[in-house]
């Protein structure tokens, strides 16, 4: 009895298909360099004002806007005035409640027979 052995070249393996290449793999080196530089330049132009503002804030050099400061002071004055009026309104509410209770007592006493 003879066993049949197949040579290694006749045996086939299943090979998975290759994944698609990323877009930059198909670009020529000069195009890749120019695209990278353009991307970095755009990134710097977009983030530079934000980085400057953060740096000024950290250093404490940011100059407050005078119009904004005057508006804040005006709002603080209005809040103080409203708090004062709120206290006066609360006092008037208490007086009104007291007066209503007195009137209710007088009405009840007028209804009761003496």
N, C-alpha and C. Protein backbone atom coordinates (compact mmCIF):
# COMPACT_ATOMS: atom_id res chain seq x y z
N UNK A 1 0.80 -1.15 0.00
CA UNK A 1 0.00 0.00 0.00
C UNK A 1 0.87 1.25 0.00
N UNK A 2 0.52 2.12 -0.83
CA UNK A 2 1.31 3.31 -1.05
C UNK A 2 0.49 4.55 -0.67
N UNK A 3 1.14 5.44 0.09
CA UNK A 3 0.45 6.68 0.45
C UNK A 3 0.87 7.78 -0.50
N UNK A 4 -0.06 8.59 -0.81
CA UNK A 4 0.18 9.67 -1.75
C UNK A 4 0.49 10.94 -0.98
N UNK A 5 1.65 11.53 -1.20
CA UNK A 5 2.05 12.78 -0.54
C UNK A 5 2.12 13.86 -1.61
N UNK A 6 1.41 14.94 -1.38
CA UNK A 6 1.42 16.04 -2.33
C UNK A 6 2.57 16.98 -2.02
N UNK A 7 3.26 17.45 -3.01
CA UNK A 7 4.33 18.39 -2.74
C UNK A 7 3.76 19.71 -2.21
N UNK A 8 4.58 20.48 -1.53
CA UNK A 8 4.16 21.74 -0.89
C UNK A 8 3.69 22.76 -1.92
N UNK A 9 4.17 22.70 -3.11
CA UNK A 9 3.79 23.68 -4.13
C UNK A 9 2.36 23.46 -4.60
N UNK A 10 1.87 22.31 -4.48
CA UNK A 10 0.52 22.03 -4.94
C UNK A 10 -0.53 22.38 -3.89
N UNK A 11 -0.10 22.51 -2.67
CA UNK A 11 -1.05 22.88 -1.62
C UNK A 11 -1.34 24.38 -1.73
N UNK A 12 -2.59 24.76 -1.63
CA UNK A 12 -2.95 26.18 -1.76
C UNK A 12 -3.42 26.71 -0.42
N UNK A 13 -3.11 27.97 -0.18
CA UNK A 13 -3.56 28.65 1.04
C UNK A 13 -4.57 29.71 0.66
N UNK A 14 -5.47 29.98 1.56
CA UNK A 14 -6.46 31.02 1.33
C UNK A 14 -5.85 32.34 1.79
N UNK A 15 -5.78 33.30 0.89
CA UNK A 15 -5.19 34.60 1.21
C UNK A 15 -6.32 35.62 1.24
N UNK A 16 -6.36 36.38 2.33
CA UNK A 16 -7.40 37.39 2.46
C UNK A 16 -7.06 38.58 1.56
N UNK A 17 -8.06 39.26 1.05
CA UNK A 17 -7.77 40.43 0.20
C UNK A 17 -7.15 41.55 1.04
N UNK A 18 -6.31 42.31 0.40
CA UNK A 18 -5.64 43.42 1.09
C UNK A 18 -6.61 44.57 1.33
N UNK A 19 -6.48 45.25 2.47
CA UNK A 19 -7.37 46.39 2.72
C UNK A 19 -7.00 47.53 1.76
N UNK A 20 -7.95 48.43 1.52
CA UNK A 20 -7.64 49.54 0.60
C UNK A 20 -6.58 50.45 1.21
N UNK A 21 -5.80 51.05 0.35
CA UNK A 21 -4.73 51.93 0.80
C UNK A 21 -5.31 53.29 1.20
N UNK A 22 -4.72 53.93 2.23
CA UNK A 22 -5.19 55.28 2.58
C UNK A 22 -4.83 56.26 1.47
N UNK A 23 -5.54 57.40 1.39
CA UNK A 23 -5.31 58.34 0.28
C UNK A 23 -3.88 58.86 0.21
N UNK A 24 -3.24 59.07 1.35
CA UNK A 24 -1.89 59.63 1.31
C UNK A 24 -0.85 58.63 0.81
N UNK A 25 -1.18 57.36 0.80
CA UNK A 25 -0.24 56.36 0.30
C UNK A 25 -0.12 56.44 -1.22
N UNK A 26 -1.11 57.00 -1.88
CA UNK A 26 -1.10 57.10 -3.33
C UNK A 26 -0.52 58.42 -3.81
N UNK A 27 -0.23 59.35 -2.86
CA UNK A 27 0.29 60.66 -3.24
C UNK A 27 1.80 60.60 -3.47
N UNK A 28 2.24 61.48 -4.33
CA UNK A 28 3.68 61.58 -4.54
C UNK A 28 4.30 62.30 -3.35
N UNK A 29 5.57 62.11 -3.07
CA UNK A 29 6.19 62.76 -1.90
C UNK A 29 6.07 64.29 -1.90
N UNK A 30 6.26 64.99 -3.02
CA UNK A 30 6.09 66.45 -2.97
C UNK A 30 4.65 66.86 -2.65
N UNK A 31 3.70 66.14 -3.19
CA UNK A 31 2.30 66.46 -2.90
C UNK A 31 1.98 66.20 -1.43
N UNK A 32 2.53 65.15 -0.89
CA UNK A 32 2.32 64.83 0.52
C UNK A 32 2.92 65.92 1.42
N UNK A 33 4.10 66.41 1.08
CA UNK A 33 4.75 67.46 1.86
C UNK A 33 3.92 68.75 1.79
N UNK A 34 3.49 69.12 0.58
CA UNK A 34 2.70 70.34 0.43
C UNK A 34 1.36 70.25 1.17
N UNK A 35 0.71 69.11 1.10
CA UNK A 35 -0.56 68.92 1.82
C UNK A 35 -0.33 69.01 3.32
N UNK A 36 0.71 68.40 3.82
CA UNK A 36 1.01 68.45 5.25
C UNK A 36 1.30 69.87 5.70
N UNK A 37 2.10 70.60 4.93
CA UNK A 37 2.40 72.00 5.28
C UNK A 37 1.15 72.87 5.25
N UNK A 38 0.29 72.65 4.27
CA UNK A 38 -0.96 73.40 4.21
C UNK A 38 -1.84 73.12 5.40
N UNK A 39 -1.94 71.86 5.79
CA UNK A 39 -2.73 71.51 6.96
C UNK A 39 -2.18 72.15 8.22
N UNK A 40 -0.87 72.10 8.41
CA UNK A 40 -0.26 72.69 9.60
C UNK A 40 -0.44 74.21 9.61
N UNK A 41 -0.31 74.86 8.43
CA UNK A 41 -0.50 76.31 8.37
C UNK A 41 -1.93 76.69 8.73
N UNK A 42 -2.90 75.95 8.23
CA UNK A 42 -4.30 76.21 8.56
C UNK A 42 -4.55 76.01 10.05
N UNK A 43 -3.96 74.98 10.61
CA UNK A 43 -4.12 74.70 12.04
C UNK A 43 -3.55 75.84 12.88
N UNK A 44 -2.38 76.33 12.51
CA UNK A 44 -1.76 77.44 13.25
C UNK A 44 -2.60 78.71 13.12
N UNK A 45 -3.07 79.02 11.91
CA UNK A 45 -3.87 80.22 11.70
C UNK A 45 -5.19 80.18 12.48
N UNK A 46 -5.74 79.02 12.62
CA UNK A 46 -7.02 78.90 13.34
C UNK A 46 -6.80 78.98 14.85
N UNK A 47 -5.77 78.32 15.35
CA UNK A 47 -5.58 78.24 16.80
C UNK A 47 -4.75 79.38 17.39
N UNK A 48 -4.04 80.15 16.58
CA UNK A 48 -3.16 81.21 17.10
C UNK A 48 -3.92 82.24 17.95
N UNK A 49 -5.06 82.79 17.50
CA UNK A 49 -5.76 83.76 18.35
C UNK A 49 -6.22 83.16 19.69
N UNK A 50 -6.64 81.93 19.64
CA UNK A 50 -7.07 81.27 20.87
C UNK A 50 -5.91 81.08 21.83
N UNK A 51 -4.77 80.68 21.32
CA UNK A 51 -3.59 80.48 22.16
C UNK A 51 -3.13 81.81 22.75
N UNK A 52 -3.16 82.89 21.95
CA UNK A 52 -2.78 84.21 22.47
C UNK A 52 -3.72 84.67 23.59
N UNK A 53 -5.02 84.45 23.40
CA UNK A 53 -5.98 84.86 24.43
C UNK A 53 -5.76 84.08 25.72
N UNK A 54 -5.49 82.80 25.61
CA UNK A 54 -5.24 81.98 26.80
C UNK A 54 -3.97 82.45 27.49
N UNK A 55 -2.94 82.76 26.71
CA UNK A 55 -1.68 83.23 27.30
C UNK A 55 -1.88 84.57 28.01
N UNK A 56 -2.63 85.48 27.40
CA UNK A 56 -2.90 86.77 28.06
C UNK A 56 -3.68 86.56 29.36
N UNK A 57 -4.62 85.65 29.33
CA UNK A 57 -5.43 85.39 30.53
C UNK A 57 -4.55 84.84 31.64
N UNK A 58 -3.64 83.93 31.29
CA UNK A 58 -2.75 83.35 32.30
C UNK A 58 -1.83 84.42 32.87
N UNK A 59 -1.30 85.29 32.01
CA UNK A 59 -0.40 86.34 32.47
C UNK A 59 -1.14 87.45 33.22
N UNK A 60 -2.43 87.54 33.03
CA UNK A 60 -3.20 88.59 33.69
C UNK A 60 -3.09 89.92 32.99
N UNK A 61 -2.71 89.92 31.72
CA UNK A 61 -2.52 91.17 30.99
C UNK A 61 -3.75 91.58 30.21
N UNK A 62 -4.81 90.82 30.27
CA UNK A 62 -5.97 91.17 29.46
C UNK A 62 -6.57 92.48 29.99
N UNK A 63 -6.82 93.40 29.09
CA UNK A 63 -7.35 94.71 29.46
C UNK A 63 -8.87 94.63 29.40
N UNK A 64 -9.54 94.92 30.52
CA UNK A 64 -11.00 94.86 30.49
C UNK A 64 -11.57 96.02 29.68
N UNK A 65 -12.65 95.76 29.02
CA UNK A 65 -13.32 96.77 28.21
C UNK A 65 -14.03 97.76 29.14
N UNK A 66 -13.81 99.06 28.91
CA UNK A 66 -14.39 100.08 29.78
C UNK A 66 -15.91 100.09 29.68
N UNK A 67 -16.45 99.87 28.49
CA UNK A 67 -17.91 99.83 28.33
C UNK A 67 -18.48 98.67 29.13
N UNK A 68 -17.79 97.55 29.11
CA UNK A 68 -18.25 96.38 29.86
C UNK A 68 -18.19 96.64 31.36
N UNK A 69 -17.11 97.30 31.82
CA UNK A 69 -17.00 97.61 33.25
C UNK A 69 -18.10 98.56 33.69
N UNK A 70 -18.41 99.56 32.87
CA UNK A 70 -19.47 100.50 33.25
C UNK A 70 -20.83 99.81 33.27
N UNK A 71 -21.05 98.88 32.35
CA UNK A 71 -22.31 98.15 32.34
C UNK A 71 -22.43 97.26 33.58
N UNK A 72 -21.33 96.64 33.98
CA UNK A 72 -21.34 95.81 35.19
C UNK A 72 -21.66 96.66 36.42
N UNK A 73 -21.06 97.84 36.51
CA UNK A 73 -21.34 98.73 37.64
C UNK A 73 -22.80 99.16 37.65
N UNK A 74 -23.34 99.45 36.46
CA UNK A 74 -24.75 99.84 36.37
C UNK A 74 -25.65 98.70 36.83
N UNK A 75 -25.31 97.49 36.42
CA UNK A 75 -26.11 96.32 36.83
C UNK A 75 -26.01 96.09 38.34
N UNK A 76 -24.84 96.29 38.91
CA UNK A 76 -24.70 96.15 40.36
C UNK A 76 -25.56 97.17 41.10
N UNK A 77 -25.60 98.40 40.60
CA UNK A 77 -26.42 99.43 41.22
C UNK A 77 -27.90 99.05 41.12
N UNK A 78 -28.30 98.52 39.96
CA UNK A 78 -29.70 98.12 39.80
C UNK A 78 -30.06 96.97 40.74
N UNK A 79 -29.15 96.03 40.91
CA UNK A 79 -29.41 94.90 41.81
C UNK A 79 -29.54 95.40 43.25
N UNK A 80 -28.67 96.33 43.66
CA UNK A 80 -28.76 96.88 45.01
C UNK A 80 -30.10 97.60 45.21
N UNK A 81 -30.53 98.35 44.20
CA UNK A 81 -31.82 99.04 44.28
C UNK A 81 -32.97 98.04 44.38
N UNK A 82 -32.91 96.97 43.58
CA UNK A 82 -33.96 95.95 43.62
C UNK A 82 -33.99 95.23 44.97
N UNK A 83 -32.83 94.98 45.56
CA UNK A 83 -32.81 94.34 46.88
C UNK A 83 -33.44 95.23 47.93
N UNK A 84 -33.18 96.55 47.83
CA UNK A 84 -33.78 97.49 48.76
C UNK A 84 -35.30 97.52 48.58
N UNK A 85 -35.75 97.55 47.33
CA UNK A 85 -37.19 97.55 47.06
C UNK A 85 -37.84 96.25 47.50
N UNK A 86 -37.11 95.14 47.37
CA UNK A 86 -37.64 93.86 47.80
C UNK A 86 -37.90 93.87 49.31
N UNK A 87 -36.99 94.45 50.05
CA UNK A 87 -37.19 94.55 51.51
C UNK A 87 -38.41 95.40 51.84
N UNK A 88 -38.57 96.52 51.14
CA UNK A 88 -39.74 97.37 51.38
C UNK A 88 -41.02 96.65 50.99
N UNK A 89 -41.00 95.92 49.89
CA UNK A 89 -42.18 95.17 49.45
C UNK A 89 -42.54 94.09 50.46
N UNK A 90 -41.55 93.43 51.01
CA UNK A 90 -41.80 92.40 52.02
C UNK A 90 -42.46 93.03 53.26
N UNK A 91 -41.99 94.19 53.66
CA UNK A 91 -42.58 94.88 54.81
C UNK A 91 -44.02 95.26 54.51
N UNK A 92 -44.31 95.75 53.31
CA UNK A 92 -45.69 96.10 52.93
C UNK A 92 -46.59 94.86 52.91
N UNK A 93 -46.07 93.73 52.46
CA UNK A 93 -46.85 92.49 52.47
C UNK A 93 -47.21 92.09 53.90
N UNK A 94 -46.28 92.22 54.82
CA UNK A 94 -46.56 91.88 56.21
C UNK A 94 -47.62 92.81 56.78
N UNK A 95 -47.54 94.10 56.50
CA UNK A 95 -48.54 95.05 56.97
C UNK A 95 -49.91 94.73 56.40
N UNK A 96 -49.96 94.39 55.13
CA UNK A 96 -51.23 94.07 54.49
C UNK A 96 -51.84 92.82 55.11
N UNK A 97 -51.02 91.81 55.38
CA UNK A 97 -51.53 90.60 56.04
C UNK A 97 -52.09 90.93 57.42
N UNK A 98 -51.37 91.76 58.15
CA UNK A 98 -51.83 92.15 59.48
C UNK A 98 -53.17 92.88 59.40
N UNK A 99 -53.28 93.80 58.43
CA UNK A 99 -54.53 94.55 58.27
C UNK A 99 -55.67 93.62 57.88
N UNK A 100 -55.44 92.68 57.01
CA UNK A 100 -56.48 91.73 56.62
C UNK A 100 -56.94 90.89 57.82
N UNK A 101 -56.00 90.48 58.66
CA UNK A 101 -56.38 89.71 59.85
C UNK A 101 -57.23 90.55 60.80
N UNK A 102 -56.85 91.83 60.98
CA UNK A 102 -57.65 92.70 61.85
C UNK A 102 -59.06 92.89 61.30
N UNK A 103 -59.18 93.10 60.00
CA UNK A 103 -60.51 93.26 59.40
C UNK A 103 -61.32 91.98 59.53
N UNK A 104 -60.69 90.83 59.36
CA UNK A 104 -61.41 89.56 59.49
C UNK A 104 -61.89 89.37 60.92
N UNK A 105 -61.09 89.76 61.91
CA UNK A 105 -61.51 89.65 63.32
C UNK A 105 -62.68 90.57 63.60
N UNK A 106 -62.64 91.79 63.08
CA UNK A 106 -63.74 92.74 63.31
C UNK A 106 -65.02 92.23 62.68
N UNK A 107 -64.97 91.64 61.50
CA UNK A 107 -66.16 91.10 60.84
C UNK A 107 -66.74 89.95 61.66
N UNK A 108 -65.86 89.08 62.18
CA UNK A 108 -66.36 87.96 62.98
C UNK A 108 -66.99 88.44 64.25
N UNK A 109 -66.41 89.47 64.87
CA UNK A 109 -66.98 89.99 66.10
C UNK A 109 -68.31 90.69 65.84
N UNK A 110 -68.46 91.31 64.67
CA UNK A 110 -69.71 91.97 64.32
C UNK A 110 -70.81 90.94 64.08
N UNK A 111 -70.48 89.75 63.61
CA UNK A 111 -71.49 88.72 63.35
C UNK A 111 -71.94 88.01 64.62
N UNK A 112 -71.08 87.98 65.59
CA UNK A 112 -71.43 87.25 66.84
C UNK A 112 -72.44 88.09 67.66
N UNK A 113 -73.41 87.46 68.25
CA UNK A 113 -74.35 88.20 69.09
C UNK A 113 -73.69 88.54 70.44
N UNK A 114 -74.02 89.73 70.95
CA UNK A 114 -73.43 90.16 72.23
C UNK A 114 -74.30 89.84 73.36
